[in-house]
Amino acid sequence: GVTGMISCAGSIEESRKATETAKKYDEVWAAVGVHPEAIQDSGFRIYDSRDFLLKLSRHPKVVAIGEAGLDFYENTSEEEKRRQIELFKFNIALAKETGLPLVVHCRKAFEEVYEILNEYDEAPKAVQMHCFTGSSDWAEKFLKLGCYLSFGGIITFKNAEDIRRSLRMTPDDRLLLETDSPYLAPEPLRGSRNEPKNVKIVIEAAADLRGQSIEEIDRITTLNTQRLFPKIWK
């Protein structure tokens, strides 16, 4: 069964709530940061939250910076892209300053995310590509940067063969699995509210696709979680 989970924030308020929840429950940890969709709030000021997020990051139950990244999904204007990139670099700088791993959201922006992580001088030392949906070509590029690739319930979707290829090519020491709850419930639960317990379905699917046992997938993903999020085990 599920013995622990990371509550990943997407805004300043969610960062506060995730940290409070992690303080309350032994089996919950938090990631704090600002999701790219935050720039849609006209009142949001990127750098106003820096001191607050740094303070949260020092708590023992805060184990990562995120969810951060780029989301160019629908009709994203050039100005919105510019602000998202500025926000992404802000989150990267937080990860670098705190020494925490960075949880990266990437939708329709693989080239831009890759270029920033590859060229940006302040790139963090540990990166999780959250809910990875890239092709095997993009998987290879991010793996060469040393990123961990994390796959969710999408690997069970009928039209996700490209993502399944990426899953199969990911080496054992860079593989992570997740649910992205409450979104993207795996088949046969697609369309319902996702829950952490459904990671069992993702593990079973990954084991089948990679030709490994459920026990082996469980072992290697637990080991990778220990490597990527060392604060959990302190």
Foldseek 3Di string as FASTA:
>chain_A
DQQAEEQEDAPLVSQVVQLVVLVVDVRYAYAAAHELVVVVPVPDDQVVCLVVNLVSCPDLRHQAHDPAEDAPDPPQDPVSRVVSVVRRVVSQLSCLVSVHEYEYEDHPQLVVRLCCCVPPPSGHPEYEDPQDQDALVSLVSVVVSVYAYEHEQCLQDPPRVRVLVSLQPDDLLRYAYFHPFQANQHPPQHPHGDDRVSSLVVLVSSCVSNVHDSVSSVVSNVVNCCVNRVSSVD
